[in-house]
């Protein structure tokens, strides 16, 4: 009859965390939050402060109107 050996697992290395998945989850959420904050900062610096251009019909007509003719200089 074969004898069965019973193995008892003992913590061989006490420096390993007891819950590695929880630590990994927290690190990943922290990394995602940091990336979102960085993207929001980039968006705010690059796009948010810029004013929208005036696209009213009067302003467009004023911009596209031909330049007024220059008056000839008077030389004595």
PDB file of N, CA and C in Angstrom:
ATOM      1  N   UNK A   1       0.834  -1.158   0.000  1.00  0.00           N
ATOM      2  CA  UNK A   1       0.000   0.000   0.000  1.00  0.00           C
ATOM      3  C   UNK A   1       0.893   1.239   0.000  1.00  0.00           C
ATOM      4  N   UNK A   2       0.647   2.163  -0.977  1.00  0.00           N
ATOM      5  CA  UNK A   2       1.506   3.348  -1.034  1.00  0.00           C
ATOM      6  C   UNK A   2       1.170   4.316   0.096  1.00  0.00           C
ATOM      7  N   UNK A   3       2.189   4.896   0.593  1.00  0.00           N
ATOM      8  CA  UNK A   3       1.969   5.888   1.656  1.00  0.00           C
ATOM      9  C   UNK A   3       1.814   7.264   1.022  1.00  0.00           C
ATOM     10  N   UNK A   4       0.887   8.024   1.533  1.00  0.00           N
ATOM     11  CA  UNK A   4       0.669   9.369   0.997  1.00  0.00           C
ATOM     12  C   UNK A   4       1.378  10.369   1.889  1.00  0.00           C
ATOM     13  N   UNK A   5       2.035  11.247   1.239  1.00  0.00           N
ATOM     14  CA  UNK A   5       2.756  12.279   1.976  1.00  0.00           C
ATOM     15  C   UNK A   5       1.898  13.529   2.061  1.00  0.00           C
ATOM     16  N   UNK A   6       1.890  14.126   3.181  1.00  0.00           N
ATOM     17  CA  UNK A   6       1.124  15.341   3.402  1.00  0.00           C
ATOM     18  C   UNK A   6       2.111  16.496   3.427  1.00  0.00           C
ATOM     19  N   UNK A   7       1.864  17.445   2.530  1.00  0.00           N
ATOM     20  CA  UNK A   7       2.737  18.611   2.470  1.00  0.00           C
ATOM     21  C   UNK A   7       2.030  19.798   3.111  1.00  0.00           C
ATOM     22  N   UNK A   8       2.680  20.403   3.991  1.00  0.00           N
ATOM     23  CA  UNK A   8       2.151  21.586   4.654  1.00  0.00           C
ATOM     24  C   UNK A   8       2.902  22.779   4.101  1.00  0.00           C
ATOM     25  N   UNK A   9       2.139  23.696   3.558  1.00  0.00           N
ATOM     26  CA  UNK A   9       2.801  24.879   2.996  1.00  0.00           C
ATOM     27  C   UNK A   9       3.080  25.878   4.113  1.00  0.00           C
ATOM     28  N   UNK A  10       4.300  26.246   4.193  1.00  0.00           N
ATOM     29  CA  UNK A  10       4.701  27.252   5.179  1.00  0.00           C
ATOM     30  C   UNK A  10       5.260  28.441   4.425  1.00  0.00           C
ATOM     31  N   UNK A  11       5.037  29.606   4.939  1.00  0.00           N
ATOM     32  CA  UNK A  11       5.548  30.792   4.250  1.00  0.00           C
ATOM     33  C   UNK A  11       7.073  30.791   4.258  1.00  0.00           C
ATOM     34  N   UNK A  12       7.649  30.482   3.105  1.00  0.00           N
ATOM     35  CA  UNK A  12       9.102  30.421   3.013  1.00  0.00           C
ATOM     36  C   UNK A  12       9.696  31.820   2.921  1.00  0.00           C
ATOM     37  N   UNK A  13       8.982  32.701   2.236  1.00  0.00           N
ATOM     38  CA  UNK A  13       9.485  34.056   2.079  1.00  0.00           C
ATOM     39  C   UNK A  13       8.450  35.010   2.670  1.00  0.00           C
ATOM     40  N   UNK A  14       8.768  35.636   3.766  1.00  0.00           N
ATOM     41  CA  UNK A  14       7.800  36.493   4.447  1.00  0.00           C
ATOM     42  C   UNK A  14       7.694  37.875   3.810  1.00  0.00           C
ATOM     43  N   UNK A  15       8.545  38.205   2.816  1.00  0.00           N
ATOM     44  CA  UNK A  15       8.489  39.530   2.198  1.00  0.00           C
ATOM     45  C   UNK A  15       7.434  39.610   1.103  1.00  0.00           C
ATOM     46  N   UNK A  16       6.870  38.493   0.668  1.00  0.00           N
ATOM     47  CA  UNK A  16       5.819  38.540  -0.346  1.00  0.00           C
ATOM     48  C   UNK A  16       4.517  38.983   0.299  1.00  0.00           C
ATOM     49  N   UNK A  17       3.752  39.830  -0.402  1.00  0.00           N
ATOM     50  CA  UNK A  17       2.489  40.291   0.177  1.00  0.00           C
ATOM     51  C   UNK A  17       1.484  39.149   0.252  1.00  0.00           C
ATOM     52  N   UNK A  18       0.609  39.229   1.236  1.00  0.00           N
ATOM     53  CA  UNK A  18      -0.357  38.162   1.426  1.00  0.00           C
ATOM     54  C   UNK A  18      -1.477  38.216   0.385  1.00  0.00           C
ATOM     55  N   UNK A  19      -1.730  39.390  -0.193  1.00  0.00           N
ATOM     56  CA  UNK A  19      -2.781  39.528  -1.187  1.00  0.00           C
ATOM     57  C   UNK A  19      -2.217  40.251  -2.419  1.00  0.00           C
ATOM     58  N   UNK A  20      -1.563  39.528  -3.303  1.00  0.00           N
ATOM     59  CA  UNK A  20      -0.945  40.186  -4.457  1.00  0.00           C
ATOM     60  C   UNK A  20      -1.962  40.732  -5.458  1.00  0.00           C
ATOM     61  N   UNK A  21      -3.126  40.107  -5.585  1.00  0.00           N
ATOM     62  CA  UNK A  21      -4.122  40.613  -6.532  1.00  0.00           C
ATOM     63  C   UNK A  21      -4.721  41.932  -6.073  1.00  0.00           C
ATOM     64  N   UNK A  22      -4.916  42.080  -4.794  1.00  0.00           N
ATOM     65  CA  UNK A  22      -5.452  43.342  -4.282  1.00  0.00           C
ATOM     66  C   UNK A  22      -4.453  44.473  -4.518  1.00  0.00           C
ATOM     67  N   UNK A  23      -3.179  44.205  -4.288  1.00  0.00           N
ATOM     68  CA  UNK A  23      -2.149  45.217  -4.501  1.00  0.00           C
ATOM     69  C   UNK A  23      -2.058  45.574  -5.985  1.00  0.00           C
ATOM     70  N   UNK A  24      -2.102  44.565  -6.855  1.00  0.00           N
ATOM     71  CA  UNK A  24      -2.055  44.809  -8.289  1.00  0.00           C
ATOM     72  C   UNK A  24      -3.257  45.626  -8.741  1.00  0.00           C
ATOM     73  N   UNK A  25      -4.424  45.319  -8.211  1.00  0.00           N
ATOM     74  CA  UNK A  25      -5.641  46.066  -8.558  1.00  0.00           C
ATOM     75  C   UNK A  25      -5.512  47.527  -8.139  1.00  0.00           C
ATOM     76  N   UNK A  26      -5.020  47.765  -6.954  1.00  0.00           N
ATOM     77  CA  UNK A  26      -4.857  49.144  -6.487  1.00  0.00           C
ATOM     78  C   UNK A  26      -3.836  49.888  -7.331  1.00  0.00           C
ATOM     79  N   UNK A  27      -2.751  49.217  -7.701  1.00  0.00           N
ATOM     80  CA  UNK A  27      -1.740  49.864  -8.539  1.00  0.00           C
ATOM     81  C   UNK A  27      -2.301  50.200  -9.916  1.00  0.00           C
ATOM     82  N   UNK A  28      -3.086  49.284 -10.480  1.00  0.00           N
ATOM     83  CA  UNK A  28      -3.663  49.548 -11.799  1.00  0.00           C
ATOM     84  C   UNK A  28      -4.672  50.690 -11.749  1.00  0.00           C
ATOM     85  N   UNK A  29      -5.521  50.720 -10.735  1.00  0.00           N
ATOM     86  CA  UNK A  29      -6.468  51.832 -10.601  1.00  0.00           C
ATOM     87  C   UNK A  29      -5.734  53.149 -10.385  1.00  0.00           C
ATOM     88  N   UNK A  30      -4.673  53.123  -9.613  1.00  0.00           N
ATOM     89  CA  UNK A  30      -3.875  54.332  -9.414  1.00  0.00           C
ATOM     90  C   UNK A  30      -3.244  54.808 -10.713  1.00  0.00           C
ATOM     91  N   UNK A  31      -2.745  53.879 -11.500  1.00  0.00           N
ATOM     92  CA  UNK A  31      -2.141  54.227 -12.779  1.00  0.00           C
ATOM     93  C   UNK A  31      -3.175  54.784 -13.744  1.00  0.00           C
ATOM     94  N   UNK A  32      -4.357  54.199 -13.775  1.00  0.00           N
ATOM     95  CA  UNK A  32      -5.427  54.698 -14.642  1.00  0.00           C
ATOM     96  C   UNK A  32      -5.855  56.098 -14.206  1.00  0.00           C
ATOM     97  N   UNK A  33      -5.987  56.308 -12.910  1.00  0.00           N
ATOM     98  CA  UNK A  33      -6.368  57.636 -12.409  1.00  0.00           C
ATOM     99  C   UNK A  33      -5.305  58.675 -12.749  1.00  0.00           C
ATOM    100  N   UNK A  34      -4.042  58.314 -12.630  1.00  0.00           N
ATOM    101  CA  UNK A  34      -2.956  59.234 -12.959  1.00  0.00           C
ATOM    102  C   UNK A  34      -2.972  59.581 -14.446  1.00  0.00           C
ATOM    103  N   UNK A  35      -3.210  58.606 -15.299  1.00  0.00           N
ATOM    104  CA  UNK A  35      -3.268  58.873 -16.737  1.00  0.00           C
ATOM    105  C   UNK A  35      -4.453  59.770 -17.080  1.00  0.00           C
ATOM    106  N   UNK A  36      -5.597  59.530 -16.452  1.00  0.00           N
ATOM    107  CA  UNK A  36      -6.759  60.388 -16.710  1.00  0.00           C
ATOM    108  C   UNK A  36      -6.494  61.830 -16.285  1.00  0.00           C
ATOM    109  N   UNK A  37      -5.855  61.999 -15.144  1.00  0.00           N
ATOM    110  CA  UNK A  37      -5.529  63.354 -14.689  1.00  0.00           C
ATOM    111  C   UNK A  37      -4.551  64.026 -15.643  1.00  0.00           C
ATOM    112  N   UNK A  38      -3.572  63.274 -16.143  1.00  0.00           N
ATOM    113  CA  UNK A  38      -2.616  63.836 -17.092  1.00  0.00           C
ATOM    114  C   UNK A  38      -3.308  64.229 -18.391  1.00  0.00           C
ATOM    115  N   UNK A  39      -4.209  63.394 -18.891  1.00  0.00           N
ATOM    116  CA  UNK A  39      -4.934  63.728 -20.115  1.00  0.00           C
ATOM    117  C   UNK A  39      -5.825  64.945 -19.920  1.00  0.00           C
ATOM    118  N   UNK A  40      -6.474  65.060 -18.762  1.00  0.00           N
ATOM    119  CA  UNK A  40      -7.308  66.230 -18.497  1.00  0.00           C
ATOM    120  C   UNK A  40      -6.460  67.489 -18.414  1.00  0.00           C
ATOM    121  N   UNK A  41      -5.271  67.388 -17.832  1.00  0.00           N
ATOM    122  CA  UNK A  41      -4.379  68.545 -17.750  1.00  0.00           C
ATOM    123  C   UNK A  41      -3.924  68.965 -19.140  1.00  0.00           C
ATOM    124  N   UNK A  42      -3.567  67.999 -19.980  1.00  0.00           N
ATOM    125  CA  UNK A  42      -3.152  68.316 -21.349  1.00  0.00           C
ATOM    126  C   UNK A  42      -4.305  68.966 -22.103  1.00  0.00           C
ATOM    127  N   UNK A  43      -5.516  68.426 -21.953  1.00  0.00           N
ATOM    128  CA  UNK A  43      -6.672  69.011 -22.630  1.00  0.00           C
ATOM    129  C   UNK A  43      -6.907  70.434 -22.157  1.00  0.00           C
ATOM    130  N   UNK A  44      -6.816  70.661 -20.852  1.00  0.00           N
ATOM    131  CA  UNK A  44      -7.089  71.989 -20.320  1.00  0.00           C
ATOM    132  C   UNK A  44      -6.049  72.989 -20.809  1.00  0.00           C
ATOM    133  N   UNK A  45      -4.780  72.579 -20.846  1.00  0.00           N
ATOM    134  CA  UNK A  45      -3.724  73.491 -21.286  1.00  0.00           C
ATOM    135  C   UNK A  45      -3.837  73.763 -22.784  1.00  0.00           C
ATOM    136  N   UNK A  46      -4.156  72.746 -23.572  1.00  0.00           N
ATOM    137  CA  UNK A  46      -4.125  72.898 -25.024  1.00  0.00           C
ATOM    138  C   UNK A  46      -5.419  73.461 -25.608  1.00  0.00           C
ATOM    139  N   UNK A  47      -6.575  73.114 -25.061  1.00  0.00           N
ATOM    140  CA  UNK A  47      -7.823  73.454 -25.735  1.00  0.00           C
ATOM    141  C   UNK A  47      -8.765  74.353 -24.938  1.00  0.00           C
ATOM    142  N   UNK A  48      -8.885  74.173 -23.664  1.00  0.00           N
ATOM    143  CA  UNK A  48      -9.913  74.855 -22.887  1.00  0.00           C
ATOM    144  C   UNK A  48      -9.785  76.382 -22.875  1.00  0.00           C
ATOM    145  N   UNK A  49      -8.611  76.971 -22.705  1.00  0.00           N
ATOM    146  CA  UNK A  49      -8.562  78.427 -22.574  1.00  0.00           C
ATOM    147  C   UNK A  49      -8.767  79.194 -23.876  1.00  0.00           C
ATOM    148  N   UNK A  50      -8.730  78.521 -25.009  1.00  0.00           N
ATOM    149  CA  UNK A  50      -8.847  79.237 -26.266  1.00  0.00           C
ATOM    150  C   UNK A  50     -10.294  79.650 -26.523  1.00  0.00           C
ATOM    151  N   UNK A  51     -10.454  80.916 -26.873  1.00  0.00           N
ATOM    152  CA  UNK A  51     -11.788  81.437 -27.159  1.00  0.00           C
ATOM    153  C   UNK A  51     -12.228  80.958 -28.543  1.00  0.00           C
ATOM    154  N   UNK A  52     -13.521  80.798 -28.696  1.00  0.00           N
ATOM    155  CA  UNK A  52     -14.055  80.380 -29.995  1.00  0.00           C
ATOM    156  C   UNK A  52     -14.073  81.585 -30.938  1.00  0.00           C
ATOM    157  N   UNK A  53     -13.772  81.352 -32.196  1.00  0.00           N
ATOM    158  CA  UNK A  53     -13.783  82.474 -33.140  1.00  0.00           C
ATOM    159  C   UNK A  53     -15.210  82.938 -33.422  1.00  0.00           C
ATOM    160  N   UNK A  54     -15.334  84.208 -33.791  1.00  0.00           N
ATOM    161  CA  UNK A  54     -16.642  84.774 -34.125  1.00  0.00           C
ATOM    162  C   UNK A  54     -16.994  84.359 -35.552  1.00  0.00           C
ATOM    163  N   UNK A  55     -18.039  83.558 -35.690  1.00  0.00           N
ATOM    164  CA  UNK A  55     -18.439  83.080 -37.014  1.00  0.00           C
ATOM    165  C   UNK A  55     -19.812  83.629 -37.389  1.00  0.00           C
ATOM    166  N   UNK A  56     -20.151  84.773 -36.851  1.00  0.00           N
ATOM    167  CA  UNK A  56     -21.428  85.381 -37.215  1.00  0.00           C
ATOM    168  C   UNK A  56     -21.364  85.824 -38.684  1.00  0.00           C
ATOM    169  N   UNK A  57     -22.503  85.847 -39.368  1.00  0.00           N
ATOM    170  CA  UNK A  57     -22.499  86.231 -40.786  1.00  0.00           C
ATOM    171  C   UNK A  57     -21.910  87.619 -41.033  1.00  0.00           C
ATOM    172  N   UNK A  58     -22.145  88.557 -40.130  1.00  0.00           N
ATOM    173  CA  UNK A  58     -21.608  89.908 -40.315  1.00  0.00           C
ATOM    174  C   UNK A  58     -20.080  89.902 -40.251  1.00  0.00           C
ATOM    175  N   UNK A  59     -19.528  89.143 -39.337  1.00  0.00           N
ATOM    176  CA  UNK A  59     -18.073  89.102 -39.211  1.00  0.00           C
ATOM    177  C   UNK A  59     -17.437  88.397 -40.416  1.00  0.00           C
ATOM    178  N   UNK A  60     -18.072  87.330 -40.886  1.00  0.00           N
ATOM    179  CA  UNK A  60     -17.543  86.618 -42.055  1.00  0.00           C
ATOM    180  C   UNK A  60     -17.589  87.527 -43.280  1.00  0.00           C
ATOM    181  N   UNK A  61     -18.684  88.261 -43.453  1.00  0.00           N
ATOM    182  CA  UNK A  61     -18.796  89.182 -44.583  1.00  0.00           C
ATOM    183  C   UNK A  61     -17.740  90.275 -44.477  1.00  0.00           C
ATOM    184  N   UNK A  62     -17.484  90.755 -43.275  1.00  0.00           N
ATOM    185  CA  UNK A  62     -16.476  91.788 -43.080  1.00  0.00           C
ATOM    186  C   UNK A  62     -15.080  91.254 -43.431  1.00  0.00           C
ATOM    187  N   UNK A  63     -14.795  90.014 -43.043  1.00  0.00           N
ATOM    188  CA  UNK A  63     -13.487  89.426 -43.330  1.00  0.00           C
ATOM    189  C   UNK A  63     -13.293  89.134 -44.811  1.00  0.00           C
ATOM    190  N   UNK A  64     -14.368  88.730 -45.489  1.00  0.00           N
ATOM    191  CA  UNK A  64     -14.256  88.351 -46.888  1.00  0.00           C
ATOM    192  C   UNK A  64     -14.476  89.512 -47.856  1.00  0.00           C
ATOM    193  N   UNK A  65     -14.857  90.670 -47.335  1.00  0.00           N
ATOM    194  CA  UNK A  65     -15.090  91.825 -48.195  1.00  0.00           C
ATOM    195  C   UNK A  65     -13.768  92.272 -48.809  1.00  0.00           C
ATOM    196  N   UNK A  66     -13.826  92.782 -50.037  1.00  0.00           N
ATOM    197  CA  UNK A  66     -12.583  93.263 -50.653  1.00  0.00           C
ATOM    198  C   UNK A  66     -12.046  94.472 -49.893  1.00  0.00           C
ATOM    199  N   UNK A  67     -10.739  94.605 -49.923  1.00  0.00           N
ATOM    200  CA  UNK A  67     -10.097  95.720 -49.218  1.00  0.00           C
ATOM    201  C   UNK A  67     -10.470  97.028 -49.886  1.00  0.00           C
ATOM    202  N   UNK A  68     -10.589  98.072 -49.090  1.00  0.00           N
ATOM    203  CA  UNK A  68     -10.925  99.379 -49.655  1.00  0.00           C
ATOM    204  C   UNK A  68      -9.733  99.880 -50.452  1.00  0.00           C
ATOM    205  N   UNK A  69      -9.990 100.565 -51.556  1.00  0.00           N
ATOM    206  CA  UNK A  69      -8.868 101.045 -52.380  1.00  0.00           C
ATOM    207  C   UNK A  69      -8.042 102.069 -51.620  1.00  0.00           C
ATOM    208  N   UNK A  70      -6.752 101.971 -51.782  1.00  0.00           N
ATOM    209  CA  UNK A  70      -5.857 102.894 -51.097  1.00  0.00           C
ATOM    210  C   UNK A  70      -5.912 104.248 -51.773  1.00  0.00           C
ATOM    211  N   UNK A  71      -5.889 105.300 -50.981  1.00  0.00           N
ATOM    212  CA  UNK A  71      -5.905 106.655 -51.516  1.00  0.00           C
ATOM    213  C   UNK A  71      -4.512 106.980 -52.051  1.00  0.00           C
ATOM    214  N   UNK A  72      -4.435 107.611 -53.192  1.00  0.00           N
ATOM    215  CA  UNK A  72      -3.096 107.970 -53.706  1.00  0.00           C
ATOM    216  C   UNK A  72      -2.438 109.032 -52.835  1.00  0.00           C
ATOM    217  N   UNK A  73      -1.146 108.886 -52.673  1.00  0.00           N
ATOM    218  CA  UNK A  73      -0.404 109.860 -51.854  1.00  0.00           C
ATOM    219  C   UNK A  73      -0.274 111.162 -52.623  1.00  0.00           C
ATOM    220  N   UNK A  74      -0.306 112.227 -51.870  1.00  0.00           N
ATOM    221  CA  UNK A  74      -0.143 113.543 -52.446  1.00  0.00           C
ATOM    222  C   UNK A  74       1.313 113.975 -52.260  1.00  0.00           C
ATOM    223  N   UNK A  75       2.003 114.212 -53.372  1.00  0.00           N
ATOM    224  CA  UNK A  75       3.392 114.680 -53.270  1.00  0.00           C
ATOM    225  C   UNK A  75       3.474 116.076 -53.875  1.00  0.00           C
ATOM    226  N   UNK A  76       4.062 116.977 -53.174  1.00  0.00           N
ATOM    227  CA  UNK A  76       4.170 118.335 -53.740  1.00  0.00           C
ATOM    228  C   UNK A  76       5.258 118.490 -54.776  1.00  0.00           C
TER     229      UNK A  76
END
